[in-house]
Amino acid sequence: MEFEIKPKNKLSLGLKELWDYRELFYFFTWRDVKVKYKQAALGIMWAVLQPLVMMIQNSTASAANAATMPETREAFQPPLVLART
């Protein structure tokens, strides 16, 4: 059993139906906007947090390395920072 939905006339834009179901249209539109910008916010947070966490991790590793071998501290830090950018 198939159903085909056709407009009453060919020039109809369906504005009456859109007005009748405006709340449904509003909620669907709001849901799509929320999802889109939530994903964008997560992307921005990831772009900021990921390098920050890596910097903290590398600083900790560098401090541990400097504690065991003090002469390598100055030689180790610049390449480490440049490699992560």
C-alpha atoms as a PDB file:
ATOM      1  CA  MET A   1       0.000   0.000   0.000  1.00  0.00           C
ATOM      2  CA  GLU A   2       1.558   3.286  -1.101  1.00  0.00           C
ATOM      3  CA  PHE A   3       0.638   6.844  -0.291  1.00  0.00           C
ATOM      4  CA  GLU A   4       1.580   9.824  -2.356  1.00  0.00           C
ATOM      5  CA  ILE A   5       1.259  13.293  -0.887  1.00  0.00           C
ATOM      6  CA  LYS A   6       0.571  15.955  -3.476  1.00  0.00           C
ATOM      7  CA  PRO A   7      -0.146  19.669  -3.089  1.00  0.00           C
ATOM      8  CA  LYS A   8      -3.652  20.876  -3.878  1.00  0.00           C
ATOM      9  CA  ASN A   9      -2.296  23.064  -6.628  1.00  0.00           C
ATOM     10  CA  LYS A  10       1.118  23.356  -8.241  1.00  0.00           C
ATOM     11  CA  LEU A  11       1.834  26.869  -6.980  1.00  0.00           C
ATOM     12  CA  SER A  12       1.123  26.116  -3.331  1.00  0.00           C
ATOM     13  CA  LEU A  13       4.041  26.699  -0.919  1.00  0.00           C
ATOM     14  CA  GLY A  14       2.255  25.044   1.986  1.00  0.00           C
ATOM     15  CA  LEU A  15       2.365  28.147   4.165  1.00  0.00           C
ATOM     16  CA  LYS A  16      -0.952  27.319   5.814  1.00  0.00           C
ATOM     17  CA  GLU A  17       0.357  23.905   6.863  1.00  0.00           C
ATOM     18  CA  LEU A  18       3.584  25.474   8.053  1.00  0.00           C
ATOM     19  CA  TRP A  19       1.570  27.913  10.149  1.00  0.00           C
ATOM     20  CA  ASP A  20      -0.620  25.114  11.507  1.00  0.00           C
ATOM     21  CA  TYR A  21       2.431  23.094  12.566  1.00  0.00           C
ATOM     22  CA  ARG A  22       4.631  26.034  13.545  1.00  0.00           C
ATOM     23  CA  GLU A  23       5.419  24.598  17.006  1.00  0.00           C
ATOM     24  CA  LEU A  24       6.641  21.347  15.490  1.00  0.00           C
ATOM     25  CA  PHE A  25       8.704  23.289  12.959  1.00  0.00           C
ATOM     26  CA  TYR A  26      10.130  25.418  15.785  1.00  0.00           C
ATOM     27  CA  PHE A  27      11.170  22.406  17.892  1.00  0.00           C
ATOM     28  CA  PHE A  28      12.753  20.579  14.949  1.00  0.00           C
ATOM     29  CA  THR A  29      14.658  23.703  13.935  1.00  0.00           C
ATOM     30  CA  TRP A  30      15.785  24.400  17.519  1.00  0.00           C
ATOM     31  CA  ARG A  31      16.959  20.787  17.923  1.00  0.00           C
ATOM     32  CA  ASP A  32      19.072  21.000  14.763  1.00  0.00           C
ATOM     33  CA  VAL A  33      20.624  24.313  15.819  1.00  0.00           C
ATOM     34  CA  LYS A  34      21.437  23.002  19.303  1.00  0.00           C
ATOM     35  CA  VAL A  35      23.121  19.875  17.959  1.00  0.00           C
ATOM     36  CA  LYS A  36      25.136  21.843  15.407  1.00  0.00           C
ATOM     37  CA  TYR A  37      26.494  24.343  17.908  1.00  0.00           C
ATOM     38  CA  LYS A  38      27.061  21.764  20.635  1.00  0.00           C
ATOM     39  CA  GLN A  39      29.320  19.880  18.242  1.00  0.00           C
ATOM     40  CA  ALA A  40      31.080  23.133  17.337  1.00  0.00           C
ATOM     41  CA  ALA A  41      31.641  23.928  21.025  1.00  0.00           C
ATOM     42  CA  LEU A  42      33.109  20.475  21.606  1.00  0.00           C
ATOM     43  CA  GLY A  43      35.452  20.999  18.655  1.00  0.00           C
ATOM     44  CA  ILE A  44      36.626  24.349  20.011  1.00  0.00           C
ATOM     45  CA  MET A  45      37.155  22.886  23.480  1.00  0.00           C
ATOM     46  CA  TRP A  46      39.131  19.988  21.969  1.00  0.00           C
ATOM     47  CA  ALA A  47      41.311  22.394  19.983  1.00  0.00           C
ATOM     48  CA  VAL A  48      42.184  24.262  23.203  1.00  0.00           C
ATOM     49  CA  LEU A  49      42.365  21.399  25.700  1.00  0.00           C
ATOM     50  CA  GLN A  50      44.359  18.910  23.641  1.00  0.00           C
ATOM     51  CA  PRO A  51      47.495  21.104  23.247  1.00  0.00           C
ATOM     52  CA  LEU A  52      47.167  22.254  26.871  1.00  0.00           C
ATOM     53  CA  VAL A  53      47.117  18.677  28.145  1.00  0.00           C
ATOM     54  CA  MET A  54      50.046  17.766  25.903  1.00  0.00           C
ATOM     55  CA  MET A  55      52.014  20.770  27.194  1.00  0.00           C
ATOM     56  CA  ILE A  56      51.392  19.724  30.814  1.00  0.00           C
ATOM     57  CA  GLN A  57      52.302  16.127  30.022  1.00  0.00           C
ATOM     58  CA  ASN A  58      55.519  17.132  28.243  1.00  0.00           C
ATOM     59  CA  SER A  59      56.479  19.582  30.991  1.00  0.00           C
ATOM     60  CA  THR A  60      56.066  16.807  33.541  1.00  0.00           C
ATOM     61  CA  ALA A  61      58.182  14.444  31.428  1.00  0.00           C
ATOM     62  CA  SER A  62      60.775  17.172  30.929  1.00  0.00           C
ATOM     63  CA  ALA A  63      60.937  17.869  34.675  1.00  0.00           C
ATOM     64  CA  ALA A  64      61.362  14.162  35.386  1.00  0.00           C
ATOM     65  CA  ASN A  65      64.127  13.991  32.765  1.00  0.00           C
ATOM     66  CA  ALA A  66      65.842  17.074  34.204  1.00  0.00           C
ATOM     67  CA  ALA A  67      65.786  15.558  37.684  1.00  0.00           C
ATOM     68  CA  THR A  68      67.618  12.475  36.464  1.00  0.00           C
ATOM     69  CA  MET A  69      69.927  14.195  33.940  1.00  0.00           C
ATOM     70  CA  PRO A  70      70.309  17.968  34.633  1.00  0.00           C
ATOM     71  CA  GLU A  71      72.648  18.579  31.677  1.00  0.00           C
ATOM     72  CA  THR A  72      69.969  17.652  29.101  1.00  0.00           C
ATOM     73  CA  ARG A  73      67.287  20.071  30.359  1.00  0.00           C
ATOM     74  CA  GLU A  74      68.181  23.032  28.118  1.00  0.00           C
ATOM     75  CA  ALA A  75      68.832  20.885  25.058  1.00  0.00           C
ATOM     76  CA  PHE A  76      65.602  18.896  25.412  1.00  0.00           C
ATOM     77  CA  GLN A  77      62.922  21.569  25.879  1.00  0.00           C
ATOM     78  CA  PRO A  78      62.986  23.612  22.579  1.00  0.00           C
ATOM     79  CA  PRO A  79      62.727  20.626  20.216  1.00  0.00           C
ATOM     80  CA  LEU A  80      59.982  19.201  22.392  1.00  0.00           C
ATOM     81  CA  VAL A  81      57.919  22.405  22.197  1.00  0.00           C
ATOM     82  CA  LEU A  82      58.509  22.784  18.450  1.00  0.00           C
ATOM     83  CA  ALA A  83      57.552  19.177  17.757  1.00  0.00           C
ATOM     84  CA  ARG A  84      54.152  19.649  19.425  1.00  0.00           C
ATOM     85  CA  THR A  85      53.104  22.791  17.567  1.00  0.00           C
END
